[in-house]
Amino acid sequence: MPNQTLGFAHFLTQADGLGKALFILLIAMSLASWYFILTKAIIKLRQRRASDKFVSLFWNAASLDEVRNEINTHGANEPFSHLTSHALFAREHHQRTGGGKLGEAGSLGDFLTRSMRKVIDEETASLENGLTVLATVGATAPFVGLLGTVWGVYGALIAIGMSGAGTLDKVAGPVGEALVMTGLGLAVAIPAVVAYNSFTRHNRLTLSRLDAFAHDLFAYLTTGVHHAQNGKLHNLQGVA
């Protein structure tokens, strides 16, 4: 076998069904992980900009009517406006019905807390969408590649043993070809692991900001008082 015929392409042509299936599986895992990496990165970037814009508008708004108009105009398509939209609706609904239904039992504060907690749980689930795929790819791709290498080495050694040519040049080539599968598994896993850690940190920071905003929003909707960014106390009870 001339050395120039060796390579990963040669390994694939000589691989059996299992070897080719493992290669296809790694390619599919790579495509899936990069799809989630790119789409989630774009979505998170857009959401971060929209969230910063909405939070700034909320605390600088002259009244809740201005906030409602913003939500009605642009929609609640990011966590902070989504939380605010449901909180405003919950407060108005409780004030209108007086908490007469079982699901609305309790004070306004209790009803608001349940409504806002439900939204935060929904946003948590939304932020974590796709992370399971990245975690699975990052954890399993190296082992899939290693399995491909082991199976390839096994097939190569069996073929060499049957041919009776056990010289170094006959052994090193096929074994080297099979080792590429391990490298491919690592190449698939590393971006998935890095993206998973990055997205997890981003989600943790976003939920921390959302939780802090929820506390301020709850205080404002129940008392009409909030602390502005300059530290001064503002009472907006009459403009709601």
C-alpha atoms as a PDB file:
ATOM      1  CA  MET A   1       0.000   0.000   0.000  1.00  0.00           C
ATOM      2  CA  PRO A   2       1.743   3.249  -1.037  1.00  0.00           C
ATOM      3  CA  ASN A   3       1.938   5.892   1.628  1.00  0.00           C
ATOM      4  CA  GLN A   4       0.308   8.523  -0.581  1.00  0.00           C
ATOM      5  CA  THR A   5      -2.953   6.575  -0.557  1.00  0.00           C
ATOM      6  CA  LEU A   6      -3.242   6.863   3.210  1.00  0.00           C
ATOM      7  CA  GLY A   7      -5.406   9.488   4.840  1.00  0.00           C
ATOM      8  CA  PHE A   8      -8.781  10.096   6.445  1.00  0.00           C
ATOM      9  CA  ALA A   9     -10.593   9.718   3.124  1.00  0.00           C
ATOM     10  CA  HIS A  10      -8.912   6.344   2.653  1.00  0.00           C
ATOM     11  CA  PHE A  11      -9.925   5.373   6.187  1.00  0.00           C
ATOM     12  CA  LEU A  12     -13.562   6.159   5.444  1.00  0.00           C
ATOM     13  CA  THR A  13     -13.543   4.189   2.200  1.00  0.00           C
ATOM     14  CA  GLN A  14     -12.085   1.196   4.031  1.00  0.00           C
ATOM     15  CA  ALA A  15     -14.315   1.550   7.119  1.00  0.00           C
ATOM     16  CA  ASP A  16     -17.217  -0.785   7.666  1.00  0.00           C
ATOM     17  CA  GLY A  17     -20.795   0.199   8.446  1.00  0.00           C
ATOM     18  CA  LEU A  18     -20.136   1.000  12.113  1.00  0.00           C
ATOM     19  CA  GLY A  19     -17.158   3.215  11.327  1.00  0.00           C
ATOM     20  CA  LYS A  20     -19.096   5.201   8.742  1.00  0.00           C
ATOM     21  CA  ALA A  21     -22.099   5.440  11.068  1.00  0.00           C
ATOM     22  CA  LEU A  22     -19.924   6.900  13.830  1.00  0.00           C
ATOM     23  CA  PHE A  23     -18.472   9.431  11.396  1.00  0.00           C
ATOM     24  CA  ILE A  24     -21.965  10.476  10.249  1.00  0.00           C
ATOM     25  CA  LEU A  25     -23.048  10.725  13.906  1.00  0.00           C
ATOM     26  CA  LEU A  26     -20.152  13.077  14.701  1.00  0.00           C
ATOM     27  CA  ILE A  27     -20.985  15.258  11.707  1.00  0.00           C
ATOM     28  CA  ALA A  28     -24.643  15.402  12.782  1.00  0.00           C
ATOM     29  CA  MET A  29     -23.643  16.313  16.354  1.00  0.00           C
ATOM     30  CA  SER A  30     -21.364  19.053  15.045  1.00  0.00           C
ATOM     31  CA  LEU A  31     -24.084  20.528  12.831  1.00  0.00           C
ATOM     32  CA  ALA A  32     -26.614  20.435  15.668  1.00  0.00           C
ATOM     33  CA  SER A  33     -24.265  22.096  18.151  1.00  0.00           C
ATOM     34  CA  TRP A  34     -23.215  24.837  15.742  1.00  0.00           C
ATOM     35  CA  TYR A  35     -26.859  25.488  14.860  1.00  0.00           C
ATOM     36  CA  PHE A  36     -27.700  26.075  18.516  1.00  0.00           C
ATOM     37  CA  ILE A  37     -24.508  28.043  19.106  1.00  0.00           C
ATOM     38  CA  LEU A  38     -25.167  30.510  16.283  1.00  0.00           C
ATOM     39  CA  THR A  39     -28.915  30.861  16.770  1.00  0.00           C
ATOM     40  CA  LYS A  40     -28.704  31.289  20.548  1.00  0.00           C
ATOM     41  CA  ALA A  41     -25.824  33.758  20.254  1.00  0.00           C
ATOM     42  CA  ILE A  42     -27.848  35.938  17.884  1.00  0.00           C
ATOM     43  CA  ILE A  43     -31.007  35.673  19.988  1.00  0.00           C
ATOM     44  CA  LYS A  44     -29.176  36.488  23.220  1.00  0.00           C
ATOM     45  CA  LEU A  45     -27.469  39.503  21.659  1.00  0.00           C
ATOM     46  CA  ARG A  46     -30.782  40.877  20.425  1.00  0.00           C
ATOM     47  CA  GLN A  47     -32.518  40.176  23.726  1.00  0.00           C
ATOM     48  CA  ARG A  48     -29.759  41.883  25.709  1.00  0.00           C
ATOM     49  CA  ARG A  49     -30.064  45.052  23.649  1.00  0.00           C
ATOM     50  CA  ALA A  50     -33.865  45.005  23.824  1.00  0.00           C
ATOM     51  CA  SER A  51     -33.806  44.353  27.573  1.00  0.00           C
ATOM     52  CA  ASP A  52     -31.434  47.227  28.282  1.00  0.00           C
ATOM     53  CA  LYS A  53     -33.597  49.525  26.192  1.00  0.00           C
ATOM     54  CA  PHE A  54     -36.803  48.465  27.933  1.00  0.00           C
ATOM     55  CA  VAL A  55     -35.432  48.706  31.480  1.00  0.00           C
ATOM     56  CA  SER A  56     -34.111  52.181  30.759  1.00  0.00           C
ATOM     57  CA  LEU A  57     -37.463  53.207  29.293  1.00  0.00           C
ATOM     58  CA  PHE A  58     -39.383  51.733  32.237  1.00  0.00           C
ATOM     59  CA  TRP A  59     -37.548  53.602  34.958  1.00  0.00           C
ATOM     60  CA  ASN A  60     -37.545  56.823  32.959  1.00  0.00           C
ATOM     61  CA  ALA A  61     -41.213  56.618  31.947  1.00  0.00           C
ATOM     62  CA  ALA A  62     -43.567  59.307  33.165  1.00  0.00           C
ATOM     63  CA  SER A  63     -46.363  56.825  33.847  1.00  0.00           C
ATOM     64  CA  LEU A  64     -47.346  53.202  33.464  1.00  0.00           C
ATOM     65  CA  ASP A  65     -49.408  54.186  30.439  1.00  0.00           C
ATOM     66  CA  GLU A  66     -46.187  54.978  28.623  1.00  0.00           C
ATOM     67  CA  VAL A  67     -44.840  51.550  29.566  1.00  0.00           C
ATOM     68  CA  ARG A  68     -48.052  49.875  28.347  1.00  0.00           C
ATOM     69  CA  ASN A  69     -47.846  51.710  25.050  1.00  0.00           C
ATOM     70  CA  GLU A  70     -44.253  50.565  24.596  1.00  0.00           C
ATOM     71  CA  ILE A  71     -45.229  46.956  25.237  1.00  0.00           C
ATOM     72  CA  ASN A  72     -48.287  47.171  22.980  1.00  0.00           C
ATOM     73  CA  THR A  73     -46.238  48.772  20.213  1.00  0.00           C
ATOM     74  CA  HIS A  74     -43.144  46.580  20.244  1.00  0.00           C
ATOM     75  CA  GLY A  75     -44.438  43.501  22.037  1.00  0.00           C
ATOM     76  CA  ALA A  76     -43.087  41.632  25.062  1.00  0.00           C
ATOM     77  CA  ASN A  77     -40.374  39.715  23.234  1.00  0.00           C
ATOM     78  CA  GLU A  78     -37.673  39.697  25.903  1.00  0.00           C
ATOM     79  CA  PRO A  79     -37.657  38.717  29.602  1.00  0.00           C
ATOM     80  CA  PHE A  80     -38.064  42.148  31.222  1.00  0.00           C
ATOM     81  CA  SER A  81     -40.969  43.378  29.108  1.00  0.00           C
ATOM     82  CA  HIS A  82     -42.557  39.925  29.364  1.00  0.00           C
ATOM     83  CA  LEU A  83     -42.379  40.096  33.164  1.00  0.00           C
ATOM     84  CA  THR A  84     -43.674  43.661  33.249  1.00  0.00           C
ATOM     85  CA  SER A  85     -46.560  42.880  30.905  1.00  0.00           C
ATOM     86  CA  HIS A  86     -47.790  39.996  33.057  1.00  0.00           C
ATOM     87  CA  ALA A  87     -47.273  41.940  36.286  1.00  0.00           C
ATOM     88  CA  LEU A  88     -49.324  44.886  35.033  1.00  0.00           C
ATOM     89  CA  PHE A  89     -52.083  42.581  33.831  1.00  0.00           C
ATOM     90  CA  ALA A  90     -52.057  40.662  37.128  1.00  0.00           C
ATOM     91  CA  ARG A  91     -52.375  43.839  39.183  1.00  0.00           C
ATOM     92  CA  GLU A  92     -55.194  45.229  37.066  1.00  0.00           C
ATOM     93  CA  HIS A  93     -57.003  41.896  37.008  1.00  0.00           C
ATOM     94  CA  HIS A  94     -56.789  41.467  40.781  1.00  0.00           C
ATOM     95  CA  GLN A  95     -57.960  45.009  41.398  1.00  0.00           C
ATOM     96  CA  ARG A  96     -60.846  44.520  38.985  1.00  0.00           C
ATOM     97  CA  THR A  97     -62.045  41.158  40.319  1.00  0.00           C
ATOM     98  CA  GLY A  98     -61.051  41.583  43.945  1.00  0.00           C
ATOM     99  CA  GLY A  99     -59.428  38.159  44.079  1.00  0.00           C
ATOM    100  CA  GLY A 100     -62.772  36.378  44.095  1.00  0.00           C
ATOM    101  CA  LYS A 101     -61.568  33.247  42.312  1.00  0.00           C
ATOM    102  CA  LEU A 102     -59.603  30.444  43.927  1.00  0.00           C
ATOM    103  CA  GLY A 103     -56.574  31.034  41.713  1.00  0.00           C
ATOM    104  CA  GLU A 104     -56.583  34.709  42.709  1.00  0.00           C
ATOM    105  CA  ALA A 105     -57.000  34.159  46.429  1.00  0.00           C
ATOM    106  CA  GLY A 106     -54.915  36.219  48.795  1.00  0.00           C
ATOM    107  CA  SER A 107     -53.699  39.774  48.755  1.00  0.00           C
ATOM    108  CA  LEU A 108     -52.534  41.707  45.725  1.00  0.00           C
ATOM    109  CA  GLY A 109     -48.955  41.033  46.780  1.00  0.00           C
ATOM    110  CA  ASP A 110     -49.535  37.284  46.904  1.00  0.00           C
ATOM    111  CA  PHE A 111     -51.198  37.239  43.493  1.00  0.00           C
ATOM    112  CA  LEU A 112     -48.437  39.371  41.968  1.00  0.00           C
ATOM    113  CA  THR A 113     -45.765  37.140  43.466  1.00  0.00           C
ATOM    114  CA  ARG A 114     -47.308  34.007  41.965  1.00  0.00           C
ATOM    115  CA  SER A 115     -47.765  35.636  38.559  1.00  0.00           C
ATOM    116  CA  MET A 116     -44.238  37.030  38.427  1.00  0.00           C
ATOM    117  CA  ARG A 117     -42.688  33.793  39.658  1.00  0.00           C
ATOM    118  CA  LYS A 118     -44.488  31.914  36.902  1.00  0.00           C
ATOM    119  CA  VAL A 119     -43.045  34.279  34.281  1.00  0.00           C
ATOM    120  CA  ILE A 120     -39.535  33.933  35.720  1.00  0.00           C
ATOM    121  CA  ASP A 121     -39.860  30.145  35.583  1.00  0.00           C
ATOM    122  CA  GLU A 122     -40.978  30.390  31.943  1.00  0.00           C
ATOM    123  CA  GLU A 123     -38.041  32.629  31.085  1.00  0.00           C
ATOM    124  CA  THR A 124     -35.650  30.266  32.846  1.00  0.00           C
ATOM    125  CA  ALA A 125     -36.916  27.379  30.728  1.00  0.00           C
ATOM    126  CA  SER A 126     -36.657  29.515  27.588  1.00  0.00           C
ATOM    127  CA  LEU A 127     -33.074  30.563  28.344  1.00  0.00           C
ATOM    128  CA  GLU A 128     -32.057  26.948  28.916  1.00  0.00           C
ATOM    129  CA  ASN A 129     -33.512  25.784  25.606  1.00  0.00           C
ATOM    130  CA  GLY A 130     -30.830  24.032  23.560  1.00  0.00           C
ATOM    131  CA  LEU A 131     -28.326  23.721  26.397  1.00  0.00           C
ATOM    132  CA  THR A 132     -29.127  20.036  26.787  1.00  0.00           C
ATOM    133  CA  VAL A 133     -28.017  19.449  23.203  1.00  0.00           C
ATOM    134  CA  LEU A 134     -24.735  21.293  23.759  1.00  0.00           C
ATOM    135  CA  ALA A 135     -24.078  19.460  27.019  1.00  0.00           C
ATOM    136  CA  THR A 136     -24.813  16.100  25.410  1.00  0.00           C
ATOM    137  CA  VAL A 137     -22.546  16.797  22.429  1.00  0.00           C
ATOM    138  CA  GLY A 138     -19.746  18.058  24.652  1.00  0.00           C
ATOM    139  CA  ALA A 139     -19.947  15.016  26.901  1.00  0.00           C
ATOM    140  CA  THR A 140     -20.374  12.256  24.315  1.00  0.00           C
ATOM    141  CA  ALA A 141     -18.539  13.386  21.155  1.00  0.00           C
ATOM    142  CA  PRO A 142     -15.042  12.488  22.484  1.00  0.00           C
ATOM    143  CA  PHE A 143     -16.237   8.992  23.350  1.00  0.00           C
ATOM    144  CA  VAL A 144     -17.901   8.563  19.967  1.00  0.00           C
ATOM    145  CA  GLY A 145     -14.601   9.558  18.332  1.00  0.00           C
ATOM    146  CA  LEU A 146     -12.679   7.239  20.613  1.00  0.00           C
ATOM    147  CA  LEU A 147     -15.015   4.379  19.754  1.00  0.00           C
ATOM    148  CA  GLY A 148     -14.399   5.092  16.064  1.00  0.00           C
ATOM    149  CA  THR A 149     -10.649   5.009  16.653  1.00  0.00           C
ATOM    150  CA  VAL A 150     -10.775   1.750  18.602  1.00  0.00           C
ATOM    151  CA  TRP A 151     -12.973   0.134  15.987  1.00  0.00           C
ATOM    152  CA  GLY A 152     -10.766   1.422  13.168  1.00  0.00           C
ATOM    153  CA  VAL A 153      -7.577   0.184  14.825  1.00  0.00           C
ATOM    154  CA  TYR A 154      -9.204  -3.171  15.437  1.00  0.00           C
ATOM    155  CA  GLY A 155     -10.235  -3.479  11.784  1.00  0.00           C
ATOM    156  CA  ALA A 156      -6.808  -2.384  10.575  1.00  0.00           C
ATOM    157  CA  LEU A 157      -4.980  -4.881  12.771  1.00  0.00           C
ATOM    158  CA  ILE A 158      -7.280  -7.693  11.679  1.00  0.00           C
ATOM    159  CA  ALA A 159      -6.634  -6.827   8.024  1.00  0.00           C
ATOM    160  CA  ILE A 160      -2.864  -6.634   8.593  1.00  0.00           C
ATOM    161  CA  GLY A 161      -2.890  -9.924  10.450  1.00  0.00           C
ATOM    162  CA  MET A 162      -4.750 -11.649   7.642  1.00  0.00           C
ATOM    163  CA  SER A 163      -2.357 -10.261   5.029  1.00  0.00           C
ATOM    164  CA  GLY A 164       0.715 -11.345   7.009  1.00  0.00           C
ATOM    165  CA  ALA A 165       2.450  -7.988   6.412  1.00  0.00           C
ATOM    166  CA  GLY A 166       3.319  -6.820   9.919  1.00  0.00           C
ATOM    167  CA  THR A 167       6.001  -4.250   9.110  1.00  0.00           C
ATOM    168  CA  LEU A 168       5.922  -0.816  10.716  1.00  0.00           C
ATOM    169  CA  ASP A 169       4.875   1.013   7.567  1.00  0.00           C
ATOM    170  CA  LYS A 170       1.932  -1.348   7.153  1.00  0.00           C
ATOM    171  CA  VAL A 171       0.794  -0.877  10.771  1.00  0.00           C
ATOM    172  CA  ALA A 172       1.441   2.834  11.353  1.00  0.00           C
ATOM    173  CA  GLY A 173      -0.591   4.059   8.388  1.00  0.00           C
ATOM    174  CA  PRO A 174      -3.955   2.444   9.184  1.00  0.00           C
ATOM    175  CA  VAL A 175      -3.569   3.120  12.917  1.00  0.00           C
ATOM    176  CA  GLY A 176      -2.780   6.774  12.219  1.00  0.00           C
ATOM    177  CA  GLU A 177      -5.837   7.024  10.008  1.00  0.00           C
ATOM    178  CA  ALA A 178      -8.033   5.630  12.762  1.00  0.00           C
ATOM    179  CA  LEU A 179      -6.690   8.147  15.307  1.00  0.00           C
ATOM    180  CA  VAL A 180      -8.233  10.955  13.254  1.00  0.00           C
ATOM    181  CA  MET A 181     -11.633   9.899  14.610  1.00  0.00           C
ATOM    182  CA  THR A 182     -10.514  10.810  18.134  1.00  0.00           C
ATOM    183  CA  GLY A 183      -9.384  14.206  16.888  1.00  0.00           C
ATOM    184  CA  LEU A 184     -12.707  14.694  15.119  1.00  0.00           C
ATOM    185  CA  GLY A 185     -14.585  13.841  18.310  1.00  0.00           C
ATOM    186  CA  LEU A 186     -12.591  16.458  20.240  1.00  0.00           C
ATOM    187  CA  ALA A 187     -13.118  19.023  17.472  1.00  0.00           C
ATOM    188  CA  VAL A 188     -16.871  18.492  17.790  1.00  0.00           C
ATOM    189  CA  ALA A 189     -16.909  18.539  21.599  1.00  0.00           C
ATOM    190  CA  ILE A 190     -14.717  21.557  22.383  1.00  0.00           C
ATOM    191  CA  PRO A 191     -16.917  24.266  20.762  1.00  0.00           C
ATOM    192  CA  ALA A 192     -20.005  22.718  22.374  1.00  0.00           C
ATOM    193  CA  VAL A 193     -18.439  22.775  25.854  1.00  0.00           C
ATOM    194  CA  VAL A 194     -17.170  26.344  25.475  1.00  0.00           C
ATOM    195  CA  ALA A 195     -20.558  27.534  24.208  1.00  0.00           C
ATOM    196  CA  TYR A 196     -22.398  25.679  26.977  1.00  0.00           C
ATOM    197  CA  ASN A 197     -20.308  27.340  29.683  1.00  0.00           C
ATOM    198  CA  SER A 198     -20.678  30.750  28.055  1.00  0.00           C
ATOM    199  CA  PHE A 199     -24.448  30.470  27.669  1.00  0.00           C
ATOM    200  CA  THR A 200     -24.840  29.139  31.207  1.00  0.00           C
ATOM    201  CA  ARG A 201     -22.974  32.131  32.617  1.00  0.00           C
ATOM    202  CA  HIS A 202     -25.018  34.511  30.466  1.00  0.00           C
ATOM    203  CA  ASN A 203     -28.253  32.891  31.648  1.00  0.00           C
ATOM    204  CA  ARG A 204     -27.189  33.151  35.285  1.00  0.00           C
ATOM    205  CA  LEU A 205     -26.441  36.865  34.908  1.00  0.00           C
ATOM    206  CA  THR A 206     -29.685  37.500  33.028  1.00  0.00           C
ATOM    207  CA  LEU A 207     -31.779  35.722  35.655  1.00  0.00           C
ATOM    208  CA  SER A 208     -29.980  37.615  38.413  1.00  0.00           C
ATOM    209  CA  ARG A 209     -30.832  40.927  36.735  1.00  0.00           C
ATOM    210  CA  LEU A 210     -34.382  39.756  36.092  1.00  0.00           C
ATOM    211  CA  ASP A 211     -34.835  38.755  39.729  1.00  0.00           C
ATOM    212  CA  ALA A 212     -33.570  42.136  40.923  1.00  0.00           C
ATOM    213  CA  PHE A 213     -35.861  43.903  38.468  1.00  0.00           C
ATOM    214  CA  ALA A 214     -38.770  41.750  39.662  1.00  0.00           C
ATOM    215  CA  HIS A 215     -38.199  42.865  43.257  1.00  0.00           C
ATOM    216  CA  ASP A 216     -38.157  46.536  42.223  1.00  0.00           C
ATOM    217  CA  LEU A 217     -41.200  46.072  39.998  1.00  0.00           C
ATOM    218  CA  PHE A 218     -43.104  44.297  42.762  1.00  0.00           C
ATOM    219  CA  ALA A 219     -42.318  47.084  45.229  1.00  0.00           C
ATOM    220  CA  TYR A 220     -43.408  49.719  42.749  1.00  0.00           C
ATOM    221  CA  LEU A 221     -46.672  48.012  41.797  1.00  0.00           C
ATOM    222  CA  THR A 222     -47.665  47.341  45.404  1.00  0.00           C
ATOM    223  CA  THR A 223     -46.515  50.627  47.002  1.00  0.00           C
ATOM    224  CA  GLY A 224     -46.057  53.046  44.104  1.00  0.00           C
ATOM    225  CA  VAL A 225     -42.515  53.765  45.263  1.00  0.00           C
ATOM    226  CA  HIS A 226     -39.202  52.896  43.670  1.00  0.00           C
ATOM    227  CA  HIS A 227     -35.578  54.001  43.864  1.00  0.00           C
ATOM    228  CA  ALA A 228     -34.311  55.589  40.673  1.00  0.00           C
ATOM    229  CA  GLN A 229     -30.804  54.997  39.446  1.00  0.00           C
ATOM    230  CA  ASN A 230     -29.624  58.297  40.950  1.00  0.00           C
ATOM    231  CA  GLY A 231     -30.609  57.084  44.405  1.00  0.00           C
ATOM    232  CA  LYS A 232     -33.473  59.569  44.924  1.00  0.00           C
ATOM    233  CA  LEU A 233     -36.834  58.305  46.137  1.00  0.00           C
ATOM    234  CA  HIS A 234     -39.750  58.801  43.754  1.00  0.00           C
ATOM    235  CA  ASN A 235     -43.400  58.343  44.637  1.00  0.00           C
ATOM    236  CA  LEU A 236     -45.432  57.652  41.500  1.00  0.00           C
ATOM    237  CA  GLN A 237     -48.538  56.275  43.164  1.00  0.00           C
ATOM    238  CA  GLY A 238     -50.806  58.799  41.512  1.00  0.00           C
ATOM    239  CA  VAL A 239     -49.698  58.287  37.918  1.00  0.00           C
ATOM    240  CA  ALA A 240     -50.400  54.579  37.591  1.00  0.00           C
END
